Amino acid sequence: HQASAIIAAWPDWVPVPTHLIAHVNKLHMVGGISRFEPPTKSCQRSGV
């Protein structure tokens, strides 16, 4: 209630949780936040 904006680190297609419905006008679902930049090249995958 006190916040000017609420950031949610999940995708915008996730249904708004019931506890956030009252605050949906200031809710911003921005996607998962990683501390790394997306890689520019791929690798051959093996191992667990």
All heavy atoms as atom14 arrays in JSON, in Angstrom:
{
  "sequence": "HQASAIIAAWPDWVPVPTHLIAHVNKLHMVGGISRFEPPTKSCQRSGV",
  "atom14_mask": [
    [1, 1, 1, 1, 1, 1, 1, 1, 1, 1, 0, 0, 0, 0],
    [1, 1, 1, 1, 1, 1, 1, 1, 1, 0, 0, 0, 0, 0],
    [1, 1, 1, 1, 1, 0, 0, 0, 0, 0, 0, 0, 0, 0],
    [1, 1, 1, 1, 1, 1, 0, 0, 0, 0, 0, 0, 0, 0],
    [1, 1, 1, 1, 1, 0, 0, 0, 0, 0, 0, 0, 0, 0],
    [1, 1, 1, 1, 1, 1, 1, 1, 0, 0, 0, 0, 0, 0],
    [1, 1, 1, 1, 1, 1, 1, 1, 0, 0, 0, 0, 0, 0],
    [1, 1, 1, 1, 1, 0, 0, 0, 0, 0, 0, 0, 0, 0],
    [1, 1, 1, 1, 1, 0, 0, 0, 0, 0, 0, 0, 0, 0],
    [1, 1, 1, 1, 1, 1, 1, 1, 1, 1, 1, 1, 1, 1],
    [1, 1, 1, 1, 1, 1, 1, 0, 0, 0, 0, 0, 0, 0],
    [1, 1, 1, 1, 1, 1, 1, 1, 0, 0, 0, 0, 0, 0],
    [1, 1, 1, 1, 1, 1, 1, 1, 1, 1, 1, 1, 1, 1],
    [1, 1, 1, 1, 1, 1, 1, 0, 0, 0, 0, 0, 0, 0],
    [1, 1, 1, 1, 1, 1, 1, 0, 0, 0, 0, 0, 0, 0],
    [1, 1, 1, 1, 1, 1, 1, 0, 0, 0, 0, 0, 0, 0],
    [1, 1, 1, 1, 1, 1, 1, 0, 0, 0, 0, 0, 0, 0],
    [1, 1, 1, 1, 1, 1, 1, 0, 0, 0, 0, 0, 0, 0],
    [1, 1, 1, 1, 1, 1, 1, 1, 1, 1, 0, 0, 0, 0],
    [1, 1, 1, 1, 1, 1, 1, 1, 0, 0, 0, 0, 0, 0],
    [1, 1, 1, 1, 1, 1, 1, 1, 0, 0, 0, 0, 0, 0],
    [1, 1, 1, 1, 1, 0, 0, 0, 0, 0, 0, 0, 0, 0],
    [1, 1, 1, 1, 1, 1, 1, 1, 1, 1, 0, 0, 0, 0],
    [1, 1, 1, 1, 1, 1, 1, 0, 0, 0, 0, 0, 0, 0],
    [1, 1, 1, 1, 1, 1, 1, 1, 0, 0, 0, 0, 0, 0],
    [1, 1, 1, 1, 1, 1, 1, 1, 1, 0, 0, 0, 0, 0],
    [1, 1, 1, 1, 1, 1, 1, 1, 0, 0, 0, 0, 0, 0],
    [1, 1, 1, 1, 1, 1, 1, 1, 1, 1, 0, 0, 0, 0],
    [1, 1, 1, 1, 1, 1, 1, 1, 0, 0, 0, 0, 0, 0],
    [1, 1, 1, 1, 1, 1, 1, 0, 0, 0, 0, 0, 0, 0],
    [1, 1, 1, 1, 0, 0, 0, 0, 0, 0, 0, 0, 0, 0],
    [1, 1, 1, 1, 0, 0, 0, 0, 0, 0, 0, 0, 0, 0],
    [1, 1, 1, 1, 1, 1, 1, 1, 0, 0, 0, 0, 0, 0],
    [1, 1, 1, 1, 1, 1, 0, 0, 0, 0, 0, 0, 0, 0],
    [1, 1, 1, 1, 1, 1, 1, 1, 1, 1, 1, 0, 0, 0],
    [1, 1, 1, 1, 1, 1, 1, 1, 1, 1, 1, 0, 0, 0],
    [1, 1, 1, 1, 1, 1, 1, 1, 1, 0, 0, 0, 0, 0],
    [1, 1, 1, 1, 1, 1, 1, 0, 0, 0, 0, 0, 0, 0],
    [1, 1, 1, 1, 1, 1, 1, 0, 0, 0, 0, 0, 0, 0],
    [1, 1, 1, 1, 1, 1, 1, 0, 0, 0, 0, 0, 0, 0],
    [1, 1, 1, 1, 1, 1, 1, 1, 1, 0, 0, 0, 0, 0],
    [1, 1, 1, 1, 1, 1, 0, 0, 0, 0, 0, 0, 0, 0],
    [1, 1, 1, 1, 1, 1, 0, 0, 0, 0, 0, 0, 0, 0],
    [1, 1, 1, 1, 1, 1, 1, 1, 1, 0, 0, 0, 0, 0],
    [1, 1, 1, 1, 1, 1, 1, 1, 1, 1, 1, 0, 0, 0],
    [1, 1, 1, 1, 1, 1, 0, 0, 0, 0, 0, 0, 0, 0],
    [1, 1, 1, 1, 0, 0, 0, 0, 0, 0, 0, 0, 0, 0],
    [1, 1, 1, 1, 1, 1, 1, 0, 0, 0, 0, 0, 0, 0]
  ],
  "atom14_positions": [
    [[0.83, -1.21, 0.0], [0.0, 0.0, 0.0], [0.86, 1.26, 0.0], [0.52, 2.25, -0.66], [-0.93, 0.01, 1.22], [-2.17, -0.81, 1.05], [-3.16, -0.49, 0.14], [-2.58, -1.95, 1.68], [-4.14, -1.39, 0.21], [-3.81, -2.28, 1.13], [0.0, 0.0, 0.0], [0.0, 0.0, 0.0], [0.0, 0.0, 0.0], [0.0, 0.0, 0.0]],
    [[1.98, 1.24, 0.72], [2.8, 2.43, 0.84], [3.69, 2.66, -0.38], [4.13, 3.8, -0.61], [3.69, 2.31, 2.09], [2.91, 2.37, 3.39], [3.81, 2.22, 4.6], [4.95, 1.75, 4.49], [3.32, 2.62, 5.77], [0.0, 0.0, 0.0], [0.0, 0.0, 0.0], [0.0, 0.0, 0.0], [0.0, 0.0, 0.0], [0.0, 0.0, 0.0]],
    [[3.96, 1.63, -1.14], [4.9, 1.74, -2.26], [4.32, 2.57, -3.4], [3.13, 2.51, -3.69], [5.27, 0.35, -2.77], [0.0, 0.0, 0.0], [0.0, 0.0, 0.0], [0.0, 0.0, 0.0], [0.0, 0.0, 0.0], [0.0, 0.0, 0.0], [0.0, 0.0, 0.0], [0.0, 0.0, 0.0], [0.0, 0.0, 0.0], [0.0, 0.0, 0.0]],
    [[5.21, 3.32, -4.05], [4.82, 4.04, -5.26], [4.76, 3.12, -6.46], [4.02, 3.37, -7.42], [5.81, 5.17, -5.53], [5.77, 6.14, -4.5], [0.0, 0.0, 0.0], [0.0, 0.0, 0.0], [0.0, 0.0, 0.0], [0.0, 0.0, 0.0], [0.0, 0.0, 0.0], [0.0, 0.0, 0.0], [0.0, 0.0, 0.0], [0.0, 0.0, 0.0]],
    [[5.55, 2.05, -6.44], [5.54, 1.05, -7.51], [6.02, -0.27, -6.94], [6.77, -0.31, -5.95], [6.43, 1.48, -8.68], [0.0, 0.0, 0.0], [0.0, 0.0, 0.0], [0.0, 0.0, 0.0], [0.0, 0.0, 0.0], [0.0, 0.0, 0.0], [0.0, 0.0, 0.0], [0.0, 0.0, 0.0], [0.0, 0.0, 0.0], [0.0, 0.0, 0.0]],
    [[5.56, -1.36, -7.54], [5.93, -2.71, -7.12], [6.5, -3.44, -8.33], [5.85, -3.52, -9.38], [4.71, -3.49, -6.57], [4.07, -2.73, -5.41], [5.12, -4.89, -6.14], [2.71, -3.28, -5.01], [0.0, 0.0, 0.0], [0.0, 0.0, 0.0], [0.0, 0.0, 0.0], [0.0, 0.0, 0.0], [0.0, 0.0, 0.0], [0.0, 0.0, 0.0]],
    [[7.71, -3.94, -8.2], [8.35, -4.7, -9.27], [8.24, -6.18, -8.96], [8.49, -6.62, -7.83], [9.84, -4.3, -9.41], [9.94, -2.85, -9.91], [10.58, -5.26, -10.34], [11.36, -2.3, -9.84], [0.0, 0.0, 0.0], [0.0, 0.0, 0.0], [0.0, 0.0, 0.0], [0.0, 0.0, 0.0], [0.0, 0.0, 0.0], [0.0, 0.0, 0.0]],
    [[7.83, -6.96, -9.94], [7.77, -8.41, -9.81], [8.73, -9.03, -10.83], [8.61, -8.77, -12.03], [6.35, -8.93, -10.04], [0.0, 0.0, 0.0], [0.0, 0.0, 0.0], [0.0, 0.0, 0.0], [0.0, 0.0, 0.0], [0.0, 0.0, 0.0], [0.0, 0.0, 0.0], [0.0, 0.0, 0.0], [0.0, 0.0, 0.0], [0.0, 0.0, 0.0]],
    [[9.68, -9.83, -10.36], [10.69, -10.42, -11.23], [10.2, -11.75, -11.8], [10.84, -12.8, -11.65], [12.0, -10.59, -10.48], [0.0, 0.0, 0.0], [0.0, 0.0, 0.0], [0.0, 0.0, 0.0], [0.0, 0.0, 0.0], [0.0, 0.0, 0.0], [0.0, 0.0, 0.0], [0.0, 0.0, 0.0], [0.0, 0.0, 0.0], [0.0, 0.0, 0.0]],
    [[9.04, -11.7, -12.43], [8.52, -12.85, -13.16], [7.81, -12.34, -14.41], [7.54, -11.13, -14.54], [7.6, -13.7, -12.28], [6.4, -13.01, -11.68], [5.27, -12.6, -12.33], [6.19, -12.68, -10.29], [4.38, -12.04, -11.44], [4.92, -12.08, -10.2], [6.96, -12.85, -9.14], [4.41, -11.63, -8.97], [6.44, -12.4, -7.94], [5.18, -11.8, -7.86]],
    [[7.47, -13.2, -15.37], [6.93, -12.75, -16.65], [5.54, -12.13, -16.52], [4.8, -12.4, -15.57], [6.89, -14.02, -17.5], [7.78, -14.99, -16.81], [7.74, -14.65, -15.36], [0.0, 0.0, 0.0], [0.0, 0.0, 0.0], [0.0, 0.0, 0.0], [0.0, 0.0, 0.0], [0.0, 0.0, 0.0], [0.0, 0.0, 0.0], [0.0, 0.0, 0.0]],
    [[5.19, -11.32, -17.52], [3.91, -10.61, -17.47], [2.71, -11.5, -17.79], [1.58, -11.06, -17.66], [3.93, -9.39, -18.39], [4.23, -9.75, -19.85], [4.18, -10.94, -20.22], [4.5, -8.82, -20.64], [0.0, 0.0, 0.0], [0.0, 0.0, 0.0], [0.0, 0.0, 0.0], [0.0, 0.0, 0.0], [0.0, 0.0, 0.0], [0.0, 0.0, 0.0]],
    [[2.96, -12.76, -18.18], [1.83, -13.67, -18.43], [1.41, -14.45, -17.19], [0.38, -15.12, -17.2], [2.17, -14.67, -19.55], [3.47, -15.38, -19.42], [4.65, -15.07, -20.03], [3.77, -16.52, -18.6], [5.65, -15.95, -19.66], [5.12, -16.85, -18.78], [3.01, -17.31, -17.74], [5.75, -17.91, -18.13], [3.61, -18.37, -17.08], [4.96, -18.66, -17.28]],
    [[2.22, -14.38, -16.13], [1.85, -15.06, -14.89], [0.61, -14.38, -14.31], [0.57, -13.15, -14.19], [3.01, -15.01, -13.87], [2.57, -15.57, -12.52], [4.21, -15.8, -14.4], [0.0, 0.0, 0.0], [0.0, 0.0, 0.0], [0.0, 0.0, 0.0], [0.0, 0.0, 0.0], [0.0, 0.0, 0.0], [0.0, 0.0, 0.0], [0.0, 0.0, 0.0]],
    [[-0.44, -15.14, -13.97], [-1.63, -14.51, -13.37], [-1.26, -13.71, -12.12], [-0.43, -14.15, -11.32], [-2.52, -15.71, -13.01], [-2.07, -16.81, -13.94], [-0.6, -16.6, -14.12], [0.0, 0.0, 0.0], [0.0, 0.0, 0.0], [0.0, 0.0, 0.0], [0.0, 0.0, 0.0], [0.0, 0.0, 0.0], [0.0, 0.0, 0.0], [0.0, 0.0, 0.0]],
    [[-1.86, -12.55, -11.98], [-1.58, -11.71, -10.8], [-2.01, -12.46, -9.55], [-3.18, -12.86, -9.43], [-2.31, -10.36, -10.91], [-2.09, -9.54, -9.63], [-1.83, -9.59, -12.13], [0.0, 0.0, 0.0], [0.0, 0.0, 0.0], [0.0, 0.0, 0.0], [0.0, 0.0, 0.0], [0.0, 0.0, 0.0], [0.0, 0.0, 0.0], [0.0, 0.0, 0.0]],
    [[-1.09, -12.69, -8.6], [-1.48, -13.37, -7.36], [-2.58, -12.6, -6.64], [-2.65, -11.37, -6.72], [-0.18, -13.38, -6.55], [0.91, -13.21, -7.56], [0.34, -12.35, -8.64], [0.0, 0.0, 0.0], [0.0, 0.0, 0.0], [0.0, 0.0, 0.0], [0.0, 0.0, 0.0], [0.0, 0.0, 0.0], [0.0, 0.0, 0.0], [0.0, 0.0, 0.0]],
    [[-3.4, -13.33, -5.92], [-4.55, -12.69, -5.29], [-4.14, -11.6, -4.31], [-4.84, -10.59, -4.16], [-5.42, -13.73, -4.56], [-4.6, -14.46, -3.62], [-6.04, -14.7, -5.55], [0.0, 0.0, 0.0], [0.0, 0.0, 0.0], [0.0, 0.0, 0.0], [0.0, 0.0, 0.0], [0.0, 0.0, 0.0], [0.0, 0.0, 0.0], [0.0, 0.0, 0.0]],
    [[-2.97, -11.75, -3.66], [-2.55, -10.74, -2.68], [-2.05, -9.46, -3.35], [-1.81, -8.46, -2.67], [-1.46, -11.31, -1.76], [-0.17, -11.62, -2.45], [0.05, -12.79, -3.14], [0.97, -10.91, -2.57], [1.26, -12.8, -3.62], [1.85, -11.66, -3.3], [0.0, 0.0, 0.0], [0.0, 0.0, 0.0], [0.0, 0.0, 0.0], [0.0, 0.0, 0.0]],
    [[-1.9, -9.49, -4.68], [-1.44, -8.29, -5.39], [-2.54, -7.66, -6.24], [-2.32, -6.61, -6.86], [-0.24, -8.63, -6.28], [1.07, -8.91, -5.54], [2.12, -9.44, -6.51], [1.59, -7.66, -4.84], [0.0, 0.0, 0.0], [0.0, 0.0, 0.0], [0.0, 0.0, 0.0], [0.0, 0.0, 0.0], [0.0, 0.0, 0.0], [0.0, 0.0, 0.0]],
    [[-3.71, -8.27, -6.29], [-4.79, -7.74, -7.13], [-5.16, -6.31, -6.74], [-5.38, -5.45, -7.6], [-6.01, -8.67, -7.06], [-5.71, -9.99, -7.81], [-7.24, -8.0, -7.67], [-6.81, -11.03, -7.72], [0.0, 0.0, 0.0], [0.0, 0.0, 0.0], [0.0, 0.0, 0.0], [0.0, 0.0, 0.0], [0.0, 0.0, 0.0], [0.0, 0.0, 0.0]],
    [[-5.17, -6.03, -5.44], [-5.52, -4.68, -4.99], [-4.47, -3.64, -5.38], [-4.74, -2.43, -5.33], [-5.7, -4.67, -3.47], [0.0, 0.0, 0.0], [0.0, 0.0, 0.0], [0.0, 0.0, 0.0], [0.0, 0.0, 0.0], [0.0, 0.0, 0.0], [0.0, 0.0, 0.0], [0.0, 0.0, 0.0], [0.0, 0.0, 0.0], [0.0, 0.0, 0.0]],
    [[-3.29, -4.1, -5.81], [-2.19, -3.19, -6.12], [-1.8, -3.26, -7.61], [-0.72, -2.8, -7.97], [-0.98, -3.53, -5.26], [-1.32, -3.77, -3.82], [-1.66, -2.76, -2.95], [-1.4, -4.94, -3.11], [-1.92, -3.28, -1.76], [-1.77, -4.6, -1.82], [0.0, 0.0, 0.0], [0.0, 0.0, 0.0], [0.0, 0.0, 0.0], [0.0, 0.0, 0.0]],
    [[-2.66, -3.84, -8.42], [-2.28, -4.14, -9.79], [-1.98, -2.88, -10.6], [-1.21, -2.92, -11.57], [-3.38, -4.99, -10.47], [-4.64, -4.17, -10.72], [-2.87, -5.63, -11.76], [0.0, 0.0, 0.0], [0.0, 0.0, 0.0], [0.0, 0.0, 0.0], [0.0, 0.0, 0.0], [0.0, 0.0, 0.0], [0.0, 0.0, 0.0], [0.0, 0.0, 0.0]],
    [[-2.54, -1.75, -10.22], [-2.32, -0.51, -10.97], [-0.88, -0.01, -10.84], [-0.44, 0.83, -11.65], [-3.28, 0.59, -10.5], [-3.08, 0.96, -9.04], [-2.89, 0.08, -8.21], [-3.14, 2.24, -8.73], [0.0, 0.0, 0.0], [0.0, 0.0, 0.0], [0.0, 0.0, 0.0], [0.0, 0.0, 0.0], [0.0, 0.0, 0.0], [0.0, 0.0, 0.0]],
    [[-0.14, -0.51, -9.86], [1.27, -0.1, -9.72], [2.22, -1.3, -9.76], [3.38, -1.19, -9.37], [1.47, 0.71, -8.44], [0.99, 0.03, -7.17], [1.16, 0.99, -5.99], [0.57, 0.42, -4.7], [0.67, 1.38, -3.58], [0.0, 0.0, 0.0], [0.0, 0.0, 0.0], [0.0, 0.0, 0.0], [0.0, 0.0, 0.0], [0.0, 0.0, 0.0]],
    [[1.72, -2.43, -10.24], [2.51, -3.65, -10.35], [3.16, -3.74, -11.73], [2.49, -3.58, -12.76], [1.62, -4.88, -10.11], [2.28, -6.25, -10.26], [3.36, -6.45, -9.2], [1.23, -7.36, -10.17], [0.0, 0.0, 0.0], [0.0, 0.0, 0.0], [0.0, 0.0, 0.0], [0.0, 0.0, 0.0], [0.0, 0.0, 0.0], [0.0, 0.0, 0.0]],
    [[4.47, -4.02, -11.75], [5.22, -4.11, -13.01], [5.92, -5.47, -13.04], [6.92, -5.68, -12.36], [6.24, -2.99, -13.11], [5.66, -1.61, -12.99], [5.28, -0.87, -14.09], [5.34, -0.87, -11.89], [4.79, 0.29, -13.68], [4.8, 0.31, -12.36], [0.0, 0.0, 0.0], [0.0, 0.0, 0.0], [0.0, 0.0, 0.0], [0.0, 0.0, 0.0]],
    [[5.4, -6.38, -13.84], [5.99, -7.72, -13.98], [7.01, -7.65, -15.11], [6.65, -7.63, -16.29], [4.89, -8.75, -14.25], [3.9, -8.86, -13.09], [2.64, -10.16, -13.27], [1.57, -9.4, -14.48], [0.0, 0.0, 0.0], [0.0, 0.0, 0.0], [0.0, 0.0, 0.0], [0.0, 0.0, 0.0], [0.0, 0.0, 0.0], [0.0, 0.0, 0.0]],
    [[8.29, -7.58, -14.74], [9.34, -7.24, -15.71], [10.06, -8.45, -16.27], [10.87, -8.32, -17.19], [10.37, -6.29, -15.06], [9.71, -5.0, -14.6], [11.11, -6.96, -13.9], [0.0, 0.0, 0.0], [0.0, 0.0, 0.0], [0.0, 0.0, 0.0], [0.0, 0.0, 0.0], [0.0, 0.0, 0.0], [0.0, 0.0, 0.0], [0.0, 0.0, 0.0]],
    [[9.81, -9.66, -15.74], [10.54, -10.85, -16.17], [11.62, -11.21, -15.16], [11.94, -10.44, -14.25], [0.0, 0.0, 0.0], [0.0, 0.0, 0.0], [0.0, 0.0, 0.0], [0.0, 0.0, 0.0], [0.0, 0.0, 0.0], [0.0, 0.0, 0.0], [0.0, 0.0, 0.0], [0.0, 0.0, 0.0], [0.0, 0.0, 0.0], [0.0, 0.0, 0.0]],
    [[12.2, -12.39, -15.33], [13.24, -12.85, -14.42], [14.51, -12.03, -14.56], [15.0, -11.83, -15.67], [0.0, 0.0, 0.0], [0.0, 0.0, 0.0], [0.0, 0.0, 0.0], [0.0, 0.0, 0.0], [0.0, 0.0, 0.0], [0.0, 0.0, 0.0], [0.0, 0.0, 0.0], [0.0, 0.0, 0.0], [0.0, 0.0, 0.0], [0.0, 0.0, 0.0]],
    [[15.05, -11.53, -13.44], [16.22, -10.65, -13.46], [17.48, -11.44, -13.14], [17.64, -11.94, -12.03], [16.05, -9.49, -12.47], [14.81, -8.66, -12.81], [17.3, -8.61, -12.45], [14.48, -7.59, -11.79], [0.0, 0.0, 0.0], [0.0, 0.0, 0.0], [0.0, 0.0, 0.0], [0.0, 0.0, 0.0], [0.0, 0.0, 0.0], [0.0, 0.0, 0.0]],
    [[18.36, -11.54, -14.11], [19.67, -12.17, -13.91], [20.73, -11.09, -13.75], [20.62, -9.99, -14.29], [20.02, -13.06, -15.1], [21.35, -13.55, -15.0], [0.0, 0.0, 0.0], [0.0, 0.0, 0.0], [0.0, 0.0, 0.0], [0.0, 0.0, 0.0], [0.0, 0.0, 0.0], [0.0, 0.0, 0.0], [0.0, 0.0, 0.0], [0.0, 0.0, 0.0]],
    [[21.79, -11.4, -13.01], [22.89, -10.45, -12.87], [23.83, -10.49, -14.07], [24.77, -9.7, -14.16], [23.69, -10.74, -11.59], [24.37, -12.1, -11.54], [24.99, -12.32, -10.16], [25.35, -13.7, -9.96], [26.59, -14.11, -9.68], [27.57, -13.23, -9.6], [26.84, -15.4, -9.46], [0.0, 0.0, 0.0], [0.0, 0.0, 0.0], [0.0, 0.0, 0.0]],
    [[23.56, -11.4, -15.01], [24.42, -11.56, -16.17], [23.72, -11.09, -17.43], [22.5, -11.14, -17.53], [24.85, -13.02, -16.33], [25.58, -13.57, -15.14], [24.95, -14.45, -14.27], [26.89, -13.2, -14.88], [25.62, -14.96, -13.16], [27.57, -13.7, -13.78], [26.92, -14.58, -12.92], [0.0, 0.0, 0.0], [0.0, 0.0, 0.0], [0.0, 0.0, 0.0]],
    [[24.52, -10.66, -18.39], [23.99, -10.3, -19.7], [23.76, -11.57, -20.52], [24.47, -12.57, -20.34], [24.96, -9.38, -20.43], [25.16, -8.02, -19.77], [23.88, -7.23, -19.7], [23.1, -7.27, -20.68], [23.65, -6.56, -18.67], [0.0, 0.0, 0.0], [0.0, 0.0, 0.0], [0.0, 0.0, 0.0], [0.0, 0.0, 0.0], [0.0, 0.0, 0.0]],
    [[22.78, -11.57, -21.42], [22.57, -12.76, -22.26], [23.82, -13.09, -23.06], [24.47, -12.19, -23.61], [21.42, -12.31, -23.19], [20.73, -11.22, -22.44], [21.8, -10.51, -21.68], [0.0, 0.0, 0.0], [0.0, 0.0, 0.0], [0.0, 0.0, 0.0], [0.0, 0.0, 0.0], [0.0, 0.0, 0.0], [0.0, 0.0, 0.0], [0.0, 0.0, 0.0]],
    [[24.21, -14.35, -23.12], [25.42, -14.73, -23.87], [25.23, -14.49, -25.36], [24.12, -14.54, -25.89], [25.57, -16.21, -23.55], [24.22, -16.67, -23.12], [23.56, -15.5, -22.48], [0.0, 0.0, 0.0], [0.0, 0.0, 0.0], [0.0, 0.0, 0.0], [0.0, 0.0, 0.0], [0.0, 0.0, 0.0], [0.0, 0.0, 0.0], [0.0, 0.0, 0.0]],
    [[26.33, -14.21, -26.03], [26.28, -13.91, -27.46], [26.55, -15.12, -28.33], [26.38, -15.06, -29.55], [27.3, -12.8, -27.8], [28.6, -13.23, -27.39], [26.94, -11.51, -27.08], [0.0, 0.0, 0.0], [0.0, 0.0, 0.0], [0.0, 0.0, 0.0], [0.0, 0.0, 0.0], [0.0, 0.0, 0.0], [0.0, 0.0, 0.0], [0.0, 0.0, 0.0]],
    [[27.02, -16.21, -27.73], [27.26, -17.42, -28.52], [26.89, -18.64, -27.69], [26.88, -18.6, -26.46], [28.71, -17.49, -28.98], [29.72, -17.48, -27.85], [31.14, -17.51, -28.41], [32.17, -17.48, -27.27], [33.55, -17.5, -27.82], [0.0, 0.0, 0.0], [0.0, 0.0, 0.0], [0.0, 0.0, 0.0], [0.0, 0.0, 0.0], [0.0, 0.0, 0.0]],
    [[26.6, -19.73, -28.38], [26.22, -20.98, -27.71], [27.4, -21.94, -27.68], [28.42, -21.71, -28.34], [25.04, -21.62, -28.44], [25.38, -21.88, -29.79], [0.0, 0.0, 0.0], [0.0, 0.0, 0.0], [0.0, 0.0, 0.0], [0.0, 0.0, 0.0], [0.0, 0.0, 0.0], [0.0, 0.0, 0.0], [0.0, 0.0, 0.0], [0.0, 0.0, 0.0]],
    [[27.26, -23.01, -26.92], [28.31, -24.02, -26.8], [27.73, -25.41, -27.04], [26.51, -25.61, -26.97], [28.93, -23.98, -25.4], [29.67, -22.4, -24.93], [0.0, 0.0, 0.0], [0.0, 0.0, 0.0], [0.0, 0.0, 0.0], [0.0, 0.0, 0.0], [0.0, 0.0, 0.0], [0.0, 0.0, 0.0], [0.0, 0.0, 0.0], [0.0, 0.0, 0.0]],
    [[28.59, -26.34, -27.31], [28.18, -27.73, -27.37], [27.86, -28.19, -25.96], [28.65, -28.01, -25.03], [29.3, -28.58, -27.97], [28.94, -30.04, -28.18], [27.93, -30.22, -29.29], [27.92, -29.44, -30.24], [27.07, -31.23, -29.16], [0.0, 0.0, 0.0], [0.0, 0.0, 0.0], [0.0, 0.0, 0.0], [0.0, 0.0, 0.0], [0.0, 0.0, 0.0]],
    [[26.68, -28.8, -25.77], [26.24, -29.14, -24.42], [26.52, -30.61, -24.1], [26.23, -31.49, -24.9], [24.74, -28.86, -24.27], [24.38, -27.38, -24.32], [22.91, -27.18, -24.0], [22.52, -25.77, -23.98], [22.61, -24.97, -22.92], [23.09, -25.47, -21.79], [22.24, -23.72, -22.99], [0.0, 0.0, 0.0], [0.0, 0.0, 0.0], [0.0, 0.0, 0.0]],
    [[27.05, -30.83, -22.89], [27.23, -32.19, -22.39], [27.39, -32.13, -20.88], [27.84, -31.13, -20.32], [28.47, -32.86, -23.02], [29.63, -32.18, -22.63], [0.0, 0.0, 0.0], [0.0, 0.0, 0.0], [0.0, 0.0, 0.0], [0.0, 0.0, 0.0], [0.0, 0.0, 0.0], [0.0, 0.0, 0.0], [0.0, 0.0, 0.0], [0.0, 0.0, 0.0]],
    [[26.99, -33.19, -20.2], [27.17, -33.27, -18.76], [26.02, -32.64, -17.98], [25.19, -31.92, -18.52], [0.0, 0.0, 0.0], [0.0, 0.0, 0.0], [0.0, 0.0, 0.0], [0.0, 0.0, 0.0], [0.0, 0.0, 0.0], [0.0, 0.0, 0.0], [0.0, 0.0, 0.0], [0.0, 0.0, 0.0], [0.0, 0.0, 0.0], [0.0, 0.0, 0.0]],
    [[25.99, -32.95, -16.69], [24.94, -32.48, -15.79], [25.54, -31.55, -14.75], [26.65, -31.81, -14.24], [24.25, -33.67, -15.09], [23.18, -33.19, -14.1], [23.65, -34.63, -16.12], [0.0, 0.0, 0.0], [0.0, 0.0, 0.0], [0.0, 0.0, 0.0], [0.0, 0.0, 0.0], [0.0, 0.0, 0.0], [0.0, 0.0, 0.0], [0.0, 0.0, 0.0]]
  ]
}
